[in-house]
């Protein structure tokens, strides 16, 4: 299979990608969060191609993308008041709502769960593609399963060239981490995956919102993931990532005491001057939005430079920083060293 790279700004590119979707094919689709691997969400055979292209486990559910709020009504059994309120506040945008699914949603999309995640992206190219295709689009991140997510069309081509029909290049993703996922199928609602819409923002609309244990901890062995991004190890480069939790000085001292071939620092902007090993930066210490935007690019760059062991500065789990913390913890397989 030859994967075609389409420039979303060129005339006819979106319609060509939409035709591929309608015909049961796969397209790398830009969104404001990360690139998605898009297929017709109502076509079980097309969705099965997503799992094959990614090497994705069948127990990992997919998110269904829409381009207008009214499209949600046929995809779920009911739209509760909480969903209406969240949609009014944060859609279109980087938030997925999990609701009880309708019979239109194939079992393969929901991984056998009675629920489905629905998202209304804000990226104009994603919305144009969904509208042009005329069907809701199932789209997990457009990367090989377990690797860092893709935030540029080049990343998608690197992972998926020859595995999918086309990549629609819509530029660099602005948010940089996958959408916030909140389930409204529990009382109170529960945060399943942090993202660009923060826990504080969700609570500002709904009041009480619980945080699933798997946001900050490994998913218990044998437990079924209720949403994407809950697996134990995920978003991971080839290098072994170890998170160092401590002050800037304690971090630098530890890294400098463990120099050697293949040792690399993943640190905040400006801290590369403090360590005597190759360093990749992923945003300023308190700039959580920049950390989110730069994280996956940084994780991929670690492989580009041949890093073998990576000592990562531990992000602060608040605001959008909670999403960065969640992704980096999974990239490291929850291997954390607490520095005194």
C-alpha atoms as a PDB file:
ATOM      1  CA  UNK A   1       0.000   0.000   0.000  1.00  0.00           C
ATOM      2  CA  UNK A   2       1.249   3.488  -0.890  1.00  0.00           C
ATOM      3  CA  UNK A   3       0.384   6.188   1.659  1.00  0.00           C
ATOM      4  CA  UNK A   4      -0.417   9.502  -0.009  1.00  0.00           C
ATOM      5  CA  UNK A   5       0.479  12.771   1.717  1.00  0.00           C
ATOM      6  CA  UNK A   6      -2.275  15.350   1.133  1.00  0.00           C
ATOM      7  CA  UNK A   7      -1.860  19.036   1.930  1.00  0.00           C
ATOM      8  CA  UNK A   8      -5.084  20.121   3.629  1.00  0.00           C
ATOM      9  CA  UNK A   9      -4.633  23.665   2.270  1.00  0.00           C
ATOM     10  CA  UNK A  10      -4.756  22.464  -1.336  1.00  0.00           C
ATOM     11  CA  UNK A  11      -8.038  22.363  -3.238  1.00  0.00           C
ATOM     12  CA  UNK A  12      -9.697  18.954  -3.225  1.00  0.00           C
ATOM     13  CA  UNK A  13      -7.470  17.437  -0.527  1.00  0.00           C
ATOM     14  CA  UNK A  14     -10.171  17.212   2.155  1.00  0.00           C
ATOM     15  CA  UNK A  15     -12.723  15.802  -0.296  1.00  0.00           C
ATOM     16  CA  UNK A  16     -10.193  13.192  -1.475  1.00  0.00           C
ATOM     17  CA  UNK A  17      -9.582  12.151   2.147  1.00  0.00           C
ATOM     18  CA  UNK A  18     -13.353  12.057   2.742  1.00  0.00           C
ATOM     19  CA  UNK A  19     -13.798   9.755  -0.235  1.00  0.00           C
ATOM     20  CA  UNK A  20     -11.205   7.382   1.231  1.00  0.00           C
ATOM     21  CA  UNK A  21     -13.173   7.357   4.514  1.00  0.00           C
ATOM     22  CA  UNK A  22     -16.482   6.693   2.711  1.00  0.00           C
ATOM     23  CA  UNK A  23     -14.854   3.814   0.812  1.00  0.00           C
ATOM     24  CA  UNK A  24     -13.687   2.098   4.011  1.00  0.00           C
ATOM     25  CA  UNK A  25     -10.096   3.361   4.023  1.00  0.00           C
ATOM     26  CA  UNK A  26      -7.848   4.978   6.646  1.00  0.00           C
ATOM     27  CA  UNK A  27      -6.636   8.593   6.794  1.00  0.00           C
ATOM     28  CA  UNK A  28      -4.242  10.319   9.186  1.00  0.00           C
ATOM     29  CA  UNK A  29      -6.311  13.311  10.360  1.00  0.00           C
ATOM     30  CA  UNK A  30      -5.072  16.461  12.111  1.00  0.00           C
ATOM     31  CA  UNK A  31      -6.864  17.576  15.254  1.00  0.00           C
ATOM     32  CA  UNK A  32      -6.057  20.234  17.846  1.00  0.00           C
ATOM     33  CA  UNK A  33      -4.796  17.498  20.219  1.00  0.00           C
ATOM     34  CA  UNK A  34      -2.821  14.917  18.193  1.00  0.00           C
ATOM     35  CA  UNK A  35      -3.192  13.362  14.749  1.00  0.00           C
ATOM     36  CA  UNK A  36      -5.904  10.708  14.602  1.00  0.00           C
ATOM     37  CA  UNK A  37      -6.116   7.550  12.509  1.00  0.00           C
ATOM     38  CA  UNK A  38      -9.545   8.052  10.960  1.00  0.00           C
ATOM     39  CA  UNK A  39     -12.098   5.558   9.636  1.00  0.00           C
ATOM     40  CA  UNK A  40     -15.870   5.418   9.244  1.00  0.00           C
ATOM     41  CA  UNK A  41     -17.041   4.742  12.806  1.00  0.00           C
ATOM     42  CA  UNK A  42     -20.154   2.908  11.563  1.00  0.00           C
ATOM     43  CA  UNK A  43     -18.182   0.457   9.361  1.00  0.00           C
ATOM     44  CA  UNK A  44     -16.832  -2.478  11.413  1.00  0.00           C
ATOM     45  CA  UNK A  45     -14.486  -3.610   8.631  1.00  0.00           C
ATOM     46  CA  UNK A  46     -12.968  -0.143   8.271  1.00  0.00           C
ATOM     47  CA  UNK A  47     -12.530   0.150  12.049  1.00  0.00           C
ATOM     48  CA  UNK A  48     -10.821  -3.269  12.129  1.00  0.00           C
ATOM     49  CA  UNK A  49      -8.189  -1.790   9.779  1.00  0.00           C
ATOM     50  CA  UNK A  50      -7.343   0.798  12.465  1.00  0.00           C
ATOM     51  CA  UNK A  51      -6.483  -1.948  14.958  1.00  0.00           C
ATOM     52  CA  UNK A  52      -4.394  -3.783  12.336  1.00  0.00           C
ATOM     53  CA  UNK A  53      -2.499  -0.679  11.192  1.00  0.00           C
ATOM     54  CA  UNK A  54      -1.657   0.376  14.759  1.00  0.00           C
ATOM     55  CA  UNK A  55      -1.108  -3.090  16.217  1.00  0.00           C
ATOM     56  CA  UNK A  56      -3.666  -1.966  18.802  1.00  0.00           C
ATOM     57  CA  UNK A  57      -5.118  -4.405  21.362  1.00  0.00           C
ATOM     58  CA  UNK A  58      -8.790  -5.172  20.692  1.00  0.00           C
ATOM     59  CA  UNK A  59      -9.776  -4.331  24.294  1.00  0.00           C
ATOM     60  CA  UNK A  60      -8.817  -0.664  23.827  1.00  0.00           C
ATOM     61  CA  UNK A  61     -11.934   1.375  22.844  1.00  0.00           C
ATOM     62  CA  UNK A  62     -11.933   4.134  20.225  1.00  0.00           C
ATOM     63  CA  UNK A  63     -13.286   7.682  20.310  1.00  0.00           C
ATOM     64  CA  UNK A  64     -15.949   8.732  17.790  1.00  0.00           C
ATOM     65  CA  UNK A  65     -15.562  12.234  16.311  1.00  0.00           C
ATOM     66  CA  UNK A  66     -18.438  14.449  15.140  1.00  0.00           C
ATOM     67  CA  UNK A  67     -18.596  17.864  13.446  1.00  0.00           C
ATOM     68  CA  UNK A  68     -21.835  19.207  14.978  1.00  0.00           C
ATOM     69  CA  UNK A  69     -23.374  18.684  18.407  1.00  0.00           C
ATOM     70  CA  UNK A  70     -26.673  17.313  17.056  1.00  0.00           C
ATOM     71  CA  UNK A  71     -24.784  14.349  15.549  1.00  0.00           C
ATOM     72  CA  UNK A  72     -24.304  12.914  19.048  1.00  0.00           C
ATOM     73  CA  UNK A  73     -27.997  12.099  19.491  1.00  0.00           C
ATOM     74  CA  UNK A  74     -28.092   9.020  17.244  1.00  0.00           C
ATOM     75  CA  UNK A  75     -24.801   7.673  18.634  1.00  0.00           C
ATOM     76  CA  UNK A  76     -25.799   7.470  22.306  1.00  0.00           C
ATOM     77  CA  UNK A  77     -28.926   6.300  24.139  1.00  0.00           C
ATOM     78  CA  UNK A  78     -29.537   9.660  25.776  1.00  0.00           C
ATOM     79  CA  UNK A  79     -27.869  13.041  26.216  1.00  0.00           C
ATOM     80  CA  UNK A  80     -28.021  14.009  29.895  1.00  0.00           C
ATOM     81  CA  UNK A  81     -28.080  17.586  31.128  1.00  0.00           C
ATOM     82  CA  UNK A  82     -24.437  17.247  32.224  1.00  0.00           C
ATOM     83  CA  UNK A  83     -23.441  16.518  28.605  1.00  0.00           C
ATOM     84  CA  UNK A  84     -25.376  19.536  27.361  1.00  0.00           C
ATOM     85  CA  UNK A  85     -23.606  21.754  29.908  1.00  0.00           C
ATOM     86  CA  UNK A  86     -20.130  20.424  29.111  1.00  0.00           C
ATOM     87  CA  UNK A  87     -20.755  20.759  25.368  1.00  0.00           C
ATOM     88  CA  UNK A  88     -21.900  24.365  25.786  1.00  0.00           C
ATOM     89  CA  UNK A  89     -18.713  25.145  27.729  1.00  0.00           C
ATOM     90  CA  UNK A  90     -15.999  23.173  25.926  1.00  0.00           C
ATOM     91  CA  UNK A  91     -17.187  21.895  22.531  1.00  0.00           C
ATOM     92  CA  UNK A  92     -15.812  22.098  19.957  1.00  0.00           C
ATOM     93  CA  UNK A  93     -12.569  21.371  21.806  1.00  0.00           C
ATOM     94  CA  UNK A  94     -10.216  18.799  23.369  1.00  0.00           C
ATOM     95  CA  UNK A  95     -12.776  16.937  25.483  1.00  0.00           C
ATOM     96  CA  UNK A  96     -14.376  13.494  25.055  1.00  0.00           C
ATOM     97  CA  UNK A  97     -17.590  12.521  26.834  1.00  0.00           C
ATOM     98  CA  UNK A  98     -18.305   8.845  27.551  1.00  0.00           C
ATOM     99  CA  UNK A  99     -21.989   7.942  27.411  1.00  0.00           C
ATOM    100  CA  UNK A 100     -24.107   4.826  26.995  1.00  0.00           C
ATOM    101  CA  UNK A 101     -23.859   3.922  23.312  1.00  0.00           C
ATOM    102  CA  UNK A 102     -26.688   3.400  20.841  1.00  0.00           C
ATOM    103  CA  UNK A 103     -27.009   0.325  18.631  1.00  0.00           C
ATOM    104  CA  UNK A 104     -25.425   2.289  15.755  1.00  0.00           C
ATOM    105  CA  UNK A 105     -21.982   1.976  17.357  1.00  0.00           C
ATOM    106  CA  UNK A 106     -20.275  -1.297  16.355  1.00  0.00           C
ATOM    107  CA  UNK A 107     -18.942  -3.497  19.163  1.00  0.00           C
ATOM    108  CA  UNK A 108     -15.390  -3.162  17.796  1.00  0.00           C
ATOM    109  CA  UNK A 109     -15.493   0.616  18.352  1.00  0.00           C
ATOM    110  CA  UNK A 110     -16.501   0.315  22.019  1.00  0.00           C
ATOM    111  CA  UNK A 111     -14.326  -2.774  22.635  1.00  0.00           C
ATOM    112  CA  UNK A 112     -17.446  -4.564  23.865  1.00  0.00           C
ATOM    113  CA  UNK A 113     -18.268  -1.886  26.459  1.00  0.00           C
ATOM    114  CA  UNK A 114     -21.825  -0.526  26.779  1.00  0.00           C
ATOM    115  CA  UNK A 115     -20.421   3.006  26.459  1.00  0.00           C
ATOM    116  CA  UNK A 116     -18.712   5.105  23.778  1.00  0.00           C
ATOM    117  CA  UNK A 117     -16.532   8.220  23.859  1.00  0.00           C
ATOM    118  CA  UNK A 118     -17.726  11.105  21.669  1.00  0.00           C
ATOM    119  CA  UNK A 119     -15.637  14.157  20.724  1.00  0.00           C
ATOM    120  CA  UNK A 120     -16.340  17.322  18.734  1.00  0.00           C
ATOM    121  CA  UNK A 121     -12.875  18.573  17.695  1.00  0.00           C
ATOM    122  CA  UNK A 122     -12.134  22.262  17.157  1.00  0.00           C
ATOM    123  CA  UNK A 123      -9.529  21.771  14.405  1.00  0.00           C
ATOM    124  CA  UNK A 124     -11.083  23.161  11.184  1.00  0.00           C
ATOM    125  CA  UNK A 125      -9.570  20.425   8.999  1.00  0.00           C
ATOM    126  CA  UNK A 126     -10.891  17.639  11.241  1.00  0.00           C
ATOM    127  CA  UNK A 127     -14.370  19.162  11.202  1.00  0.00           C
ATOM    128  CA  UNK A 128     -14.265  19.690   7.435  1.00  0.00           C
ATOM    129  CA  UNK A 129     -13.234  16.057   6.910  1.00  0.00           C
ATOM    130  CA  UNK A 130     -16.024  14.679   9.124  1.00  0.00           C
ATOM    131  CA  UNK A 131     -18.583  16.888   7.378  1.00  0.00           C
ATOM    132  CA  UNK A 132     -17.334  15.976   3.900  1.00  0.00           C
ATOM    133  CA  UNK A 133     -17.263  12.250   4.716  1.00  0.00           C
ATOM    134  CA  UNK A 134     -20.861  12.428   5.953  1.00  0.00           C
ATOM    135  CA  UNK A 135     -20.228   9.884   8.707  1.00  0.00           C
ATOM    136  CA  UNK A 136     -18.903   9.993  12.290  1.00  0.00           C
ATOM    137  CA  UNK A 137     -15.199   9.160  12.387  1.00  0.00           C
ATOM    138  CA  UNK A 138     -13.482   6.742  14.769  1.00  0.00           C
ATOM    139  CA  UNK A 139      -9.948   7.967  15.350  1.00  0.00           C
ATOM    140  CA  UNK A 140      -7.366   6.904  17.937  1.00  0.00           C
ATOM    141  CA  UNK A 141      -3.958   8.569  17.825  1.00  0.00           C
ATOM    142  CA  UNK A 142      -2.193   7.930  14.503  1.00  0.00           C
ATOM    143  CA  UNK A 143       0.871   6.132  15.881  1.00  0.00           C
ATOM    144  CA  UNK A 144       2.004   2.548  16.223  1.00  0.00           C
ATOM    145  CA  UNK A 145       0.520   1.186  19.430  1.00  0.00           C
ATOM    146  CA  UNK A 146       2.624   1.999  22.508  1.00  0.00           C
ATOM    147  CA  UNK A 147       4.789   4.644  20.796  1.00  0.00           C
ATOM    148  CA  UNK A 148       4.513   8.393  21.483  1.00  0.00           C
ATOM    149  CA  UNK A 149       1.496   9.975  19.822  1.00  0.00           C
ATOM    150  CA  UNK A 150       1.881  11.946  16.601  1.00  0.00           C
ATOM    151  CA  UNK A 151       1.635  15.741  16.502  1.00  0.00           C
ATOM    152  CA  UNK A 152       2.799  16.336  12.907  1.00  0.00           C
ATOM    153  CA  UNK A 153       2.031  14.718   9.542  1.00  0.00           C
ATOM    154  CA  UNK A 154       5.714  13.730   9.366  1.00  0.00           C
ATOM    155  CA  UNK A 155       5.317  11.696  12.583  1.00  0.00           C
ATOM    156  CA  UNK A 156       2.301   9.922  11.078  1.00  0.00           C
ATOM    157  CA  UNK A 157       4.165   9.099   7.867  1.00  0.00           C
ATOM    158  CA  UNK A 158       7.066   7.744   9.895  1.00  0.00           C
ATOM    159  CA  UNK A 159       4.786   5.352  11.798  1.00  0.00           C
ATOM    160  CA  UNK A 160       2.129   4.585   9.199  1.00  0.00           C
ATOM    161  CA  UNK A 161       3.658   4.852   5.712  1.00  0.00           C
ATOM    162  CA  UNK A 162       2.465   1.792   3.770  1.00  0.00           C
ATOM    163  CA  UNK A 163      -0.125   0.899   6.422  1.00  0.00           C
ATOM    164  CA  UNK A 164      -2.846   3.482   5.632  1.00  0.00           C
ATOM    165  CA  UNK A 165      -4.237   5.159   2.525  1.00  0.00           C
ATOM    166  CA  UNK A 166      -3.379   8.810   3.155  1.00  0.00           C
ATOM    167  CA  UNK A 167      -2.270  11.463   5.638  1.00  0.00           C
ATOM    168  CA  UNK A 168      -3.997  14.851   5.580  1.00  0.00           C
ATOM    169  CA  UNK A 169      -1.373  17.413   6.588  1.00  0.00           C
ATOM    170  CA  UNK A 170      -2.984  20.157   8.661  1.00  0.00           C
ATOM    171  CA  UNK A 171       0.160  21.420  10.390  1.00  0.00           C
ATOM    172  CA  UNK A 172       1.391  20.998  13.960  1.00  0.00           C
ATOM    173  CA  UNK A 173      -1.186  20.130  16.637  1.00  0.00           C
ATOM    174  CA  UNK A 174      -1.723  23.002  19.058  1.00  0.00           C
ATOM    175  CA  UNK A 175      -2.604  21.163  22.292  1.00  0.00           C
ATOM    176  CA  UNK A 176      -0.178  18.266  21.877  1.00  0.00           C
ATOM    177  CA  UNK A 177      -1.756  15.658  24.182  1.00  0.00           C
ATOM    178  CA  UNK A 178      -4.913  13.642  23.613  1.00  0.00           C
ATOM    179  CA  UNK A 179      -8.325  14.899  24.689  1.00  0.00           C
ATOM    180  CA  UNK A 180      -9.615  14.955  28.229  1.00  0.00           C
ATOM    181  CA  UNK A 181     -11.977  11.991  28.740  1.00  0.00           C
ATOM    182  CA  UNK A 182     -14.817  12.245  31.249  1.00  0.00           C
ATOM    183  CA  UNK A 183     -17.392   9.518  31.764  1.00  0.00           C
ATOM    184  CA  UNK A 184     -20.952  10.611  32.399  1.00  0.00           C
ATOM    185  CA  UNK A 185     -21.980   6.966  32.749  1.00  0.00           C
ATOM    186  CA  UNK A 186     -21.116   7.086  36.462  1.00  0.00           C
ATOM    187  CA  UNK A 187     -22.395   9.178  39.351  1.00  0.00           C
ATOM    188  CA  UNK A 188     -20.595  11.407  40.032  1.00  0.00           C
ATOM    189  CA  UNK A 189     -18.898  11.871  36.643  1.00  0.00           C
ATOM    190  CA  UNK A 190     -15.313  10.600  36.556  1.00  0.00           C
ATOM    191  CA  UNK A 191     -12.158  11.807  34.827  1.00  0.00           C
ATOM    192  CA  UNK A 192     -10.663   8.854  32.930  1.00  0.00           C
ATOM    193  CA  UNK A 193      -7.868  10.688  31.112  1.00  0.00           C
ATOM    194  CA  UNK A 194      -6.625  14.259  31.683  1.00  0.00           C
ATOM    195  CA  UNK A 195      -6.034  16.551  28.720  1.00  0.00           C
ATOM    196  CA  UNK A 196      -6.366  20.115  27.481  1.00  0.00           C
ATOM    197  CA  UNK A 197      -9.629  20.687  29.397  1.00  0.00           C
ATOM    198  CA  UNK A 198      -8.543  20.532  33.022  1.00  0.00           C
ATOM    199  CA  UNK A 199     -10.140  18.854  36.018  1.00  0.00           C
ATOM    200  CA  UNK A 200     -10.745  22.328  37.445  1.00  0.00           C
ATOM    201  CA  UNK A 201     -12.622  23.342  34.275  1.00  0.00           C
ATOM    202  CA  UNK A 202     -14.791  20.217  34.422  1.00  0.00           C
ATOM    203  CA  UNK A 203     -15.642  20.862  38.068  1.00  0.00           C
ATOM    204  CA  UNK A 204     -16.475  24.484  37.276  1.00  0.00           C
ATOM    205  CA  UNK A 205     -19.347  23.199  35.102  1.00  0.00           C
ATOM    206  CA  UNK A 206     -20.427  20.012  36.880  1.00  0.00           C
ATOM    207  CA  UNK A 207     -19.412  20.537  40.495  1.00  0.00           C
ATOM    208  CA  UNK A 208     -18.358  17.095  41.700  1.00  0.00           C
ATOM    209  CA  UNK A 209     -16.024  15.154  39.370  1.00  0.00           C
ATOM    210  CA  UNK A 210     -14.077  12.147  40.637  1.00  0.00           C
ATOM    211  CA  UNK A 211     -10.659  11.141  39.317  1.00  0.00           C
ATOM    212  CA  UNK A 212     -10.259   7.539  38.235  1.00  0.00           C
ATOM    213  CA  UNK A 213      -7.490   5.740  40.099  1.00  0.00           C
ATOM    214  CA  UNK A 214      -5.851   4.844  36.766  1.00  0.00           C
ATOM    215  CA  UNK A 215      -5.124   8.520  36.009  1.00  0.00           C
ATOM    216  CA  UNK A 216      -2.264   8.550  38.519  1.00  0.00           C
ATOM    217  CA  UNK A 217      -1.642   4.821  38.961  1.00  0.00           C
ATOM    218  CA  UNK A 218      -1.193   1.735  36.778  1.00  0.00           C
ATOM    219  CA  UNK A 219      -4.373   0.037  35.589  1.00  0.00           C
ATOM    220  CA  UNK A 220      -4.821  -3.045  37.830  1.00  0.00           C
ATOM    221  CA  UNK A 221      -3.768  -6.296  36.187  1.00  0.00           C
ATOM    222  CA  UNK A 222      -6.639  -7.859  34.246  1.00  0.00           C
ATOM    223  CA  UNK A 223      -8.793  -4.708  34.448  1.00  0.00           C
ATOM    224  CA  UNK A 224     -10.544  -3.654  31.246  1.00  0.00           C
ATOM    225  CA  UNK A 225      -9.691  -0.097  30.111  1.00  0.00           C
ATOM    226  CA  UNK A 226     -12.792   2.122  30.102  1.00  0.00           C
ATOM    227  CA  UNK A 227     -11.212   4.575  27.666  1.00  0.00           C
ATOM    228  CA  UNK A 228      -8.093   5.018  25.534  1.00  0.00           C
ATOM    229  CA  UNK A 229      -4.875   5.916  27.360  1.00  0.00           C
ATOM    230  CA  UNK A 230      -5.462   3.790  30.463  1.00  0.00           C
ATOM    231  CA  UNK A 231      -3.000   1.011  29.617  1.00  0.00           C
ATOM    232  CA  UNK A 232      -0.024   0.457  31.951  1.00  0.00           C
ATOM    233  CA  UNK A 233       2.697   1.441  29.457  1.00  0.00           C
ATOM    234  CA  UNK A 234       1.934   3.769  26.602  1.00  0.00           C
ATOM    235  CA  UNK A 235       3.324   6.783  24.698  1.00  0.00           C
ATOM    236  CA  UNK A 236       6.791   5.308  25.137  1.00  0.00           C
ATOM    237  CA  UNK A 237      10.018   5.812  23.167  1.00  0.00           C
ATOM    238  CA  UNK A 238      12.426   2.920  22.633  1.00  0.00           C
ATOM    239  CA  UNK A 239      14.636   4.307  25.384  1.00  0.00           C
ATOM    240  CA  UNK A 240      14.084   3.366  29.025  1.00  0.00           C
ATOM    241  CA  UNK A 241      12.476   6.391  30.703  1.00  0.00           C
ATOM    242  CA  UNK A 242      12.969   6.956  34.435  1.00  0.00           C
ATOM    243  CA  UNK A 243      11.221   9.883  36.120  1.00  0.00           C
ATOM    244  CA  UNK A 244      13.178  11.807  38.746  1.00  0.00           C
ATOM    245  CA  UNK A 245      10.936  13.557  41.273  1.00  0.00           C
ATOM    246  CA  UNK A 246      12.806  16.315  43.089  1.00  0.00           C
ATOM    247  CA  UNK A 247      14.093  19.869  42.931  1.00  0.00           C
ATOM    248  CA  UNK A 248      15.975  21.267  39.940  1.00  0.00           C
ATOM    249  CA  UNK A 249      19.274  20.935  41.810  1.00  0.00           C
ATOM    250  CA  UNK A 250      18.552  17.397  43.027  1.00  0.00           C
ATOM    251  CA  UNK A 251      17.643  16.425  39.460  1.00  0.00           C
ATOM    252  CA  UNK A 252      20.831  17.905  38.003  1.00  0.00           C
ATOM    253  CA  UNK A 253      22.997  16.330  40.712  1.00  0.00           C
ATOM    254  CA  UNK A 254      21.507  12.878  40.087  1.00  0.00           C
ATOM    255  CA  UNK A 255      21.884  13.080  36.305  1.00  0.00           C
ATOM    256  CA  UNK A 256      25.470  14.337  36.565  1.00  0.00           C
ATOM    257  CA  UNK A 257      26.326  11.492  38.932  1.00  0.00           C
ATOM    258  CA  UNK A 258      25.038   8.935  36.411  1.00  0.00           C
ATOM    259  CA  UNK A 259      26.738  10.018  33.189  1.00  0.00           C
ATOM    260  CA  UNK A 260      27.487   7.403  30.588  1.00  0.00           C
ATOM    261  CA  UNK A 261      26.898   6.308  27.008  1.00  0.00           C
ATOM    262  CA  UNK A 262      23.256   6.692  25.966  1.00  0.00           C
ATOM    263  CA  UNK A 263      22.298   8.635  29.108  1.00  0.00           C
ATOM    264  CA  UNK A 264      20.011  11.547  28.199  1.00  0.00           C
ATOM    265  CA  UNK A 265      18.114  14.196  30.157  1.00  0.00           C
ATOM    266  CA  UNK A 266      14.482  15.111  29.463  1.00  0.00           C
ATOM    267  CA  UNK A 267      14.150  18.395  31.294  1.00  0.00           C
ATOM    268  CA  UNK A 268      12.542  21.819  31.423  1.00  0.00           C
ATOM    269  CA  UNK A 269      13.745  24.603  29.131  1.00  0.00           C
ATOM    270  CA  UNK A 270      16.892  26.169  30.583  1.00  0.00           C
ATOM    271  CA  UNK A 271      17.888  23.150  32.675  1.00  0.00           C
ATOM    272  CA  UNK A 272      19.939  21.658  29.838  1.00  0.00           C
ATOM    273  CA  UNK A 273      22.752  23.965  30.989  1.00  0.00           C
ATOM    274  CA  UNK A 274      22.862  22.203  34.369  1.00  0.00           C
ATOM    275  CA  UNK A 275      23.443  18.655  33.125  1.00  0.00           C
ATOM    276  CA  UNK A 276      26.551  17.228  31.520  1.00  0.00           C
ATOM    277  CA  UNK A 277      24.709  14.836  29.209  1.00  0.00           C
ATOM    278  CA  UNK A 278      22.703  15.313  25.998  1.00  0.00           C
ATOM    279  CA  UNK A 279      19.392  16.958  26.882  1.00  0.00           C
ATOM    280  CA  UNK A 280      15.976  17.377  25.292  1.00  0.00           C
ATOM    281  CA  UNK A 281      13.664  20.068  26.684  1.00  0.00           C
ATOM    282  CA  UNK A 282       9.876  19.967  26.844  1.00  0.00           C
ATOM    283  CA  UNK A 283       8.672  23.417  27.919  1.00  0.00           C
ATOM    284  CA  UNK A 284       9.250  25.677  30.896  1.00  0.00           C
ATOM    285  CA  UNK A 285       8.834  24.483  34.478  1.00  0.00           C
ATOM    286  CA  UNK A 286       5.524  26.294  35.006  1.00  0.00           C
ATOM    287  CA  UNK A 287       4.407  26.494  31.365  1.00  0.00           C
ATOM    288  CA  UNK A 288       2.113  23.453  31.388  1.00  0.00           C
ATOM    289  CA  UNK A 289       0.628  24.230  27.967  1.00  0.00           C
ATOM    290  CA  UNK A 290       4.113  24.252  26.401  1.00  0.00           C
ATOM    291  CA  UNK A 291       4.974  20.998  28.186  1.00  0.00           C
ATOM    292  CA  UNK A 292       1.876  19.372  26.701  1.00  0.00           C
ATOM    293  CA  UNK A 293       2.539  20.765  23.240  1.00  0.00           C
ATOM    294  CA  UNK A 294       6.203  19.674  23.215  1.00  0.00           C
ATOM    295  CA  UNK A 295       6.115  16.341  25.096  1.00  0.00           C
ATOM    296  CA  UNK A 296       5.503  13.849  22.283  1.00  0.00           C
ATOM    297  CA  UNK A 297       7.903  15.629  19.921  1.00  0.00           C
ATOM    298  CA  UNK A 298      10.525  15.418  22.689  1.00  0.00           C
ATOM    299  CA  UNK A 299       9.867  11.718  23.329  1.00  0.00           C
ATOM    300  CA  UNK A 300      10.226  10.964  19.613  1.00  0.00           C
ATOM    301  CA  UNK A 301      13.428  13.023  19.408  1.00  0.00           C
ATOM    302  CA  UNK A 302      14.957  10.839  22.124  1.00  0.00           C
ATOM    303  CA  UNK A 303      14.849   7.912  19.691  1.00  0.00           C
ATOM    304  CA  UNK A 304      16.238  10.079  16.899  1.00  0.00           C
ATOM    305  CA  UNK A 305      19.397  10.782  18.915  1.00  0.00           C
ATOM    306  CA  UNK A 306      19.807   7.187  20.106  1.00  0.00           C
ATOM    307  CA  UNK A 307      19.012   7.731  23.784  1.00  0.00           C
ATOM    308  CA  UNK A 308      19.120   4.523  25.817  1.00  0.00           C
ATOM    309  CA  UNK A 309      18.329   5.641  29.370  1.00  0.00           C
ATOM    310  CA  UNK A 310      16.382   8.857  29.874  1.00  0.00           C
ATOM    311  CA  UNK A 311      16.166  10.706  33.176  1.00  0.00           C
ATOM    312  CA  UNK A 312      12.986  12.787  32.975  1.00  0.00           C
ATOM    313  CA  UNK A 313      12.137  15.755  35.161  1.00  0.00           C
ATOM    314  CA  UNK A 314       8.847  15.019  36.939  1.00  0.00           C
ATOM    315  CA  UNK A 315       6.030  17.362  35.849  1.00  0.00           C
ATOM    316  CA  UNK A 316       3.685  18.954  38.377  1.00  0.00           C
ATOM    317  CA  UNK A 317       0.260  17.262  38.249  1.00  0.00           C
ATOM    318  CA  UNK A 318      -1.997  20.318  38.237  1.00  0.00           C
ATOM    319  CA  UNK A 319      -3.959  22.056  35.492  1.00  0.00           C
ATOM    320  CA  UNK A 320      -2.858  20.822  32.063  1.00  0.00           C
ATOM    321  CA  UNK A 321       0.252  19.579  33.882  1.00  0.00           C
ATOM    322  CA  UNK A 322      -1.865  16.645  35.114  1.00  0.00           C
ATOM    323  CA  UNK A 323      -2.136  15.468  31.495  1.00  0.00           C
ATOM    324  CA  UNK A 324       1.632  15.774  31.030  1.00  0.00           C
ATOM    325  CA  UNK A 325       2.230  13.869  34.282  1.00  0.00           C
ATOM    326  CA  UNK A 326      -0.202  11.140  33.183  1.00  0.00           C
ATOM    327  CA  UNK A 327       1.476  10.667  29.782  1.00  0.00           C
ATOM    328  CA  UNK A 328       5.033  10.739  31.110  1.00  0.00           C
ATOM    329  CA  UNK A 329       4.196   8.261  33.879  1.00  0.00           C
ATOM    330  CA  UNK A 330       2.912   5.807  31.275  1.00  0.00           C
ATOM    331  CA  UNK A 331       5.895   6.444  29.006  1.00  0.00           C
ATOM    332  CA  UNK A 332       8.087   5.452  31.961  1.00  0.00           C
ATOM    333  CA  UNK A 333       5.951   2.477  32.975  1.00  0.00           C
ATOM    334  CA  UNK A 334       5.515   4.267  36.326  1.00  0.00           C
ATOM    335  CA  UNK A 335       9.246   4.005  37.131  1.00  0.00           C
ATOM    336  CA  UNK A 336       9.859   6.955  39.477  1.00  0.00           C
ATOM    337  CA  UNK A 337      12.812   7.775  41.721  1.00  0.00           C
ATOM    338  CA  UNK A 338      12.002  10.172  44.582  1.00  0.00           C
ATOM    339  CA  UNK A 339      15.021  12.393  45.203  1.00  0.00           C
ATOM    340  CA  UNK A 340      15.707  13.798  48.647  1.00  0.00           C
END
